[in-house]
């Protein structure tokens, strides 16, 4: 099994970006022009952070392919992570311009695994690199801090043609169980790492990173020499 990845999302300041880098996060998520999120940055603010790290992921509800291509050219992110009902269609229009991830919503309980897998299959056909399974509340996917249905998520991860990051209520208190029960490609955490909306608590970021490293070390030991 490949080592689990860690994405620290919702970064808004240079100081918090440095904390996530020091903790060893694989990806650094920056929310761009996505009100009313308290973590949403302007394009100029996001550009400052993007210049400091090659592994920035731009997270957005923007559905304008022309603007998204311009962002990719200006900021050279590791990926664009698209949220919204038309994310897969937009991803198809961005094929070849940049790496694209798509957020797929899951309810807190219940849900149709086959419907989600059909969406993921469409995303794969559109050239999407990664899927982020996140909680869906009131028609909005992500940013809720609410845990998804892990049993449903585990079924989706097992059958998905694309690697899956698990989001939704991920923090130091839930990370180990999430990795064990769902077996995703990695974890995507934001609000559970905060001291206040948009500001990360360094101790929580480092604690989460330690848990992911420990889980990876344990899996490596089980795999043997």
Protein backbone atom coordinates (compact mmCIF):
# COMPACT_ATOMS: atom_id res chain seq x y z
CA UNK A 1 0.00 0.00 0.00
CA UNK A 2 1.33 3.44 -0.94
CA UNK A 3 1.99 5.85 1.93
CA UNK A 4 -1.01 7.99 2.84
CA UNK A 5 -0.80 11.57 1.66
CA UNK A 6 -1.66 14.66 3.70
CA UNK A 7 -3.22 17.86 2.43
CA UNK A 8 -3.56 20.80 4.80
CA UNK A 9 -6.24 23.02 3.33
CA UNK A 10 -7.66 26.47 3.97
CA UNK A 11 -4.29 28.17 4.43
CA UNK A 12 -4.59 31.95 4.55
CA UNK A 13 -1.26 33.26 5.82
CA UNK A 14 2.44 32.79 5.18
CA UNK A 15 2.91 31.75 8.81
CA UNK A 16 0.34 28.94 8.50
CA UNK A 17 1.81 27.84 5.17
CA UNK A 18 5.22 27.55 6.83
CA UNK A 19 3.71 25.48 9.64
CA UNK A 20 2.19 23.04 7.14
CA UNK A 21 5.47 22.85 5.24
CA UNK A 22 7.42 22.18 8.44
CA UNK A 23 4.96 19.44 9.36
CA UNK A 24 5.66 17.73 6.04
CA UNK A 25 2.28 18.12 4.34
CA UNK A 26 2.29 16.74 0.80
CA UNK A 27 -0.16 19.36 -0.48
CA UNK A 28 -1.04 22.87 0.69
CA UNK A 29 -4.59 23.96 -0.06
CA UNK A 30 -5.54 27.59 -0.71
CA UNK A 31 -9.18 28.57 -1.23
CA UNK A 32 -9.56 31.21 -3.95
CA UNK A 33 -12.53 33.47 -4.73
CA UNK A 34 -14.99 31.15 -3.01
CA UNK A 35 -17.19 33.25 -0.72
CA UNK A 36 -18.65 32.97 1.87
CA UNK A 37 -15.81 30.75 3.12
CA UNK A 38 -13.79 32.53 5.84
CA UNK A 39 -10.73 30.93 4.22
CA UNK A 40 -11.33 32.44 0.79
CA UNK A 41 -8.49 34.56 -0.60
CA UNK A 42 -8.28 36.96 -3.49
CA UNK A 43 -6.24 35.95 -6.49
CA UNK A 44 -3.47 38.33 -5.41
CA UNK A 45 -3.37 36.92 -1.88
CA UNK A 46 -3.27 33.35 -3.19
CA UNK A 47 -0.48 34.29 -5.56
CA UNK A 48 1.73 35.34 -2.66
CA UNK A 49 1.36 31.88 -1.08
CA UNK A 50 1.73 30.06 -4.40
CA UNK A 51 5.12 31.67 -4.97
CA UNK A 52 6.36 30.12 -1.72
CA UNK A 53 5.51 26.48 -2.41
CA UNK A 54 5.44 24.18 -5.45
CA UNK A 55 2.77 21.92 -3.94
CA UNK A 56 -0.06 24.46 -3.68
CA UNK A 57 -3.54 23.24 -4.59
CA UNK A 58 -5.95 26.00 -5.61
CA UNK A 59 -9.42 25.17 -4.27
CA UNK A 60 -12.30 27.04 -5.88
CA UNK A 61 -15.95 27.15 -6.87
CA UNK A 62 -15.06 29.11 -10.02
CA UNK A 63 -16.50 27.42 -13.12
CA UNK A 64 -15.01 29.67 -15.81
CA UNK A 65 -12.42 27.61 -17.74
CA UNK A 66 -10.80 30.73 -19.19
CA UNK A 67 -10.20 32.24 -15.76
CA UNK A 68 -9.02 28.92 -14.35
CA UNK A 69 -6.49 28.51 -17.15
CA UNK A 70 -5.21 32.01 -16.40
CA UNK A 71 -4.87 31.15 -12.71
CA UNK A 72 -2.93 28.01 -13.59
CA UNK A 73 -0.59 30.04 -15.79
CA UNK A 74 -0.09 32.76 -13.20
CA UNK A 75 0.33 30.61 -10.07
CA UNK A 76 1.60 27.29 -11.45
CA UNK A 77 -0.18 25.27 -8.74
CA UNK A 78 0.26 21.57 -8.21
CA UNK A 79 -3.43 21.24 -9.06
CA UNK A 80 -6.75 23.02 -9.33
CA UNK A 81 -9.40 21.49 -7.05
CA UNK A 82 -12.88 22.18 -8.40
CA UNK A 83 -16.05 22.33 -6.34
CA UNK A 84 -19.58 22.65 -7.64
CA UNK A 85 -22.22 20.81 -9.67
CA UNK A 86 -20.39 21.35 -12.97
CA UNK A 87 -16.89 20.49 -11.76
CA UNK A 88 -16.48 17.46 -14.02
CA UNK A 89 -17.56 19.40 -17.12
CA UNK A 90 -15.16 22.20 -16.26
CA UNK A 91 -12.39 19.66 -15.67
CA UNK A 92 -12.96 18.28 -19.16
CA UNK A 93 -12.50 21.76 -20.63
CA UNK A 94 -9.24 22.16 -18.68
CA UNK A 95 -7.72 18.90 -19.92
CA UNK A 96 -4.06 19.39 -20.68
CA UNK A 97 -3.88 22.86 -19.13
CA UNK A 98 -3.13 21.76 -15.58
CA UNK A 99 -3.69 18.92 -13.13
CA UNK A 100 -7.30 18.90 -11.94
CA UNK A 101 -8.88 17.45 -8.81
CA UNK A 102 -12.63 17.29 -8.24
CA UNK A 103 -14.50 17.41 -4.94
CA UNK A 104 -17.39 14.94 -4.65
CA UNK A 105 -19.93 15.36 -1.88
CA UNK A 106 -21.06 12.69 0.56
CA UNK A 107 -23.82 12.98 3.15
CA UNK A 108 -23.17 12.51 6.86
CA UNK A 109 -25.17 9.27 6.69
CA UNK A 110 -26.49 7.12 3.88
CA UNK A 111 -26.03 7.90 0.21
CA UNK A 112 -25.69 6.03 -3.06
CA UNK A 113 -22.22 4.60 -3.67
CA UNK A 114 -23.03 3.73 -7.29
CA UNK A 115 -24.06 7.30 -8.06
CA UNK A 116 -20.83 8.64 -6.56
CA UNK A 117 -18.77 6.05 -8.44
CA UNK A 118 -20.49 7.04 -11.68
CA UNK A 119 -19.43 10.65 -11.06
CA UNK A 120 -15.88 9.52 -10.36
CA UNK A 121 -15.85 7.46 -13.56
CA UNK A 122 -16.92 10.59 -15.49
CA UNK A 123 -14.15 12.51 -13.75
CA UNK A 124 -11.59 9.89 -14.74
CA UNK A 125 -12.75 10.07 -18.36
CA UNK A 126 -12.38 13.87 -18.18
CA UNK A 127 -8.72 13.54 -17.20
CA UNK A 128 -9.12 14.30 -13.48
CA UNK A 129 -6.12 13.20 -11.40
CA UNK A 130 -7.61 12.97 -7.89
CA UNK A 131 -10.98 12.97 -6.17
CA UNK A 132 -11.67 14.58 -2.79
CA UNK A 133 -14.57 13.01 -0.91
CA UNK A 134 -15.97 15.71 1.35
CA UNK A 135 -19.10 16.30 3.38
CA UNK A 136 -22.06 17.78 1.56
CA UNK A 137 -24.42 19.98 3.57
CA UNK A 138 -27.20 22.10 2.12
CA UNK A 139 -25.97 21.54 -1.41
CA UNK A 140 -22.45 22.74 -0.60
CA UNK A 141 -19.47 20.38 -0.64
CA UNK A 142 -16.57 21.09 1.69
CA UNK A 143 -15.79 23.57 4.41
CA UNK A 144 -18.36 22.19 6.84
CA UNK A 145 -16.07 20.38 9.26
CA UNK A 146 -18.61 17.56 9.37
CA UNK A 147 -17.59 13.93 9.05
CA UNK A 148 -18.83 11.93 6.08
CA UNK A 149 -20.28 8.43 6.12
CA UNK A 150 -17.07 6.44 6.43
CA UNK A 151 -18.68 3.11 5.58
CA UNK A 152 -19.92 4.59 2.33
CA UNK A 153 -16.57 6.27 1.73
CA UNK A 154 -14.74 2.97 2.21
CA UNK A 155 -16.89 1.27 -0.44
CA UNK A 156 -16.24 4.13 -2.84
CA UNK A 157 -12.48 4.15 -2.21
CA UNK A 158 -12.26 0.40 -2.80
CA UNK A 159 -13.97 0.66 -6.20
CA UNK A 160 -12.74 4.07 -7.38
CA UNK A 161 -10.71 4.25 -10.60
CA UNK A 162 -9.01 7.37 -9.21
CA UNK A 163 -7.06 7.97 -5.99
CA UNK A 164 -9.26 9.47 -3.28
CA UNK A 165 -8.46 11.95 -0.52
CA UNK A 166 -10.87 11.81 2.41
CA UNK A 167 -12.03 15.15 3.81
CA UNK A 168 -14.77 16.24 6.20
CA UNK A 169 -14.09 16.59 9.90
CA UNK A 170 -10.53 15.27 9.65
CA UNK A 171 -8.26 16.19 12.56
CA UNK A 172 -5.84 14.65 15.04
CA UNK A 173 -8.73 12.98 16.87
CA UNK A 174 -10.10 11.20 13.80
CA UNK A 175 -7.17 10.69 11.43
CA UNK A 176 -5.97 7.28 12.57
CA UNK A 177 -9.47 5.80 12.46
CA UNK A 178 -10.16 7.40 9.08
CA UNK A 179 -7.04 5.86 7.56
CA UNK A 180 -7.78 2.45 9.05
CA UNK A 181 -11.48 2.30 8.21
CA UNK A 182 -11.61 4.04 4.83
CA UNK A 183 -8.13 3.33 3.39
CA UNK A 184 -8.01 6.47 1.23
CA UNK A 185 -4.98 7.66 -0.72
CA UNK A 186 -4.70 10.37 1.90
CA UNK A 187 -6.41 12.87 4.17
CA UNK A 188 -7.51 16.45 3.52
CA UNK A 189 -7.90 18.55 6.67
CA UNK A 190 -8.85 22.15 7.31
CA UNK A 191 -11.30 23.36 9.96
CA UNK A 192 -10.34 20.78 12.61
CA UNK A 193 -6.80 22.19 12.48
CA UNK A 194 -7.87 25.75 13.27
CA UNK A 195 -7.66 27.94 16.34
CA UNK A 196 -10.18 30.30 14.68
CA UNK A 197 -11.74 30.37 11.19
CA UNK A 198 -8.92 30.68 8.68
CA UNK A 199 -6.09 30.41 11.21
CA UNK A 200 -4.26 27.15 11.85
CA UNK A 201 -3.20 25.89 15.28
CA UNK A 202 0.40 24.69 14.78
CA UNK A 203 0.13 21.97 17.42
CA UNK A 204 -2.88 20.44 15.64
CA UNK A 205 -1.18 20.53 12.25
CA UNK A 206 1.92 18.81 13.61
CA UNK A 207 -0.16 16.29 15.56
CA UNK A 208 -2.06 15.30 12.42
CA UNK A 209 1.16 14.95 10.44
CA UNK A 210 2.63 12.69 13.14
CA UNK A 211 -0.44 10.46 13.03
CA UNK A 212 -0.20 10.08 9.26
CA UNK A 213 3.51 9.30 9.49
CA UNK A 214 2.87 6.73 12.22
CA UNK A 215 0.17 5.05 10.13
CA UNK A 216 2.51 4.92 7.15
CA UNK A 217 5.30 3.46 9.28
CA UNK A 218 2.93 0.82 10.59
CA UNK A 219 1.78 -0.14 7.11
CA UNK A 220 5.38 -0.35 5.93
CA UNK A 221 6.16 -2.70 8.80
CA UNK A 222 3.20 -4.91 7.93
CA UNK A 223 4.37 -5.09 4.31
CA UNK A 224 7.65 -6.62 5.41
CA UNK A 225 11.06 -6.28 3.76
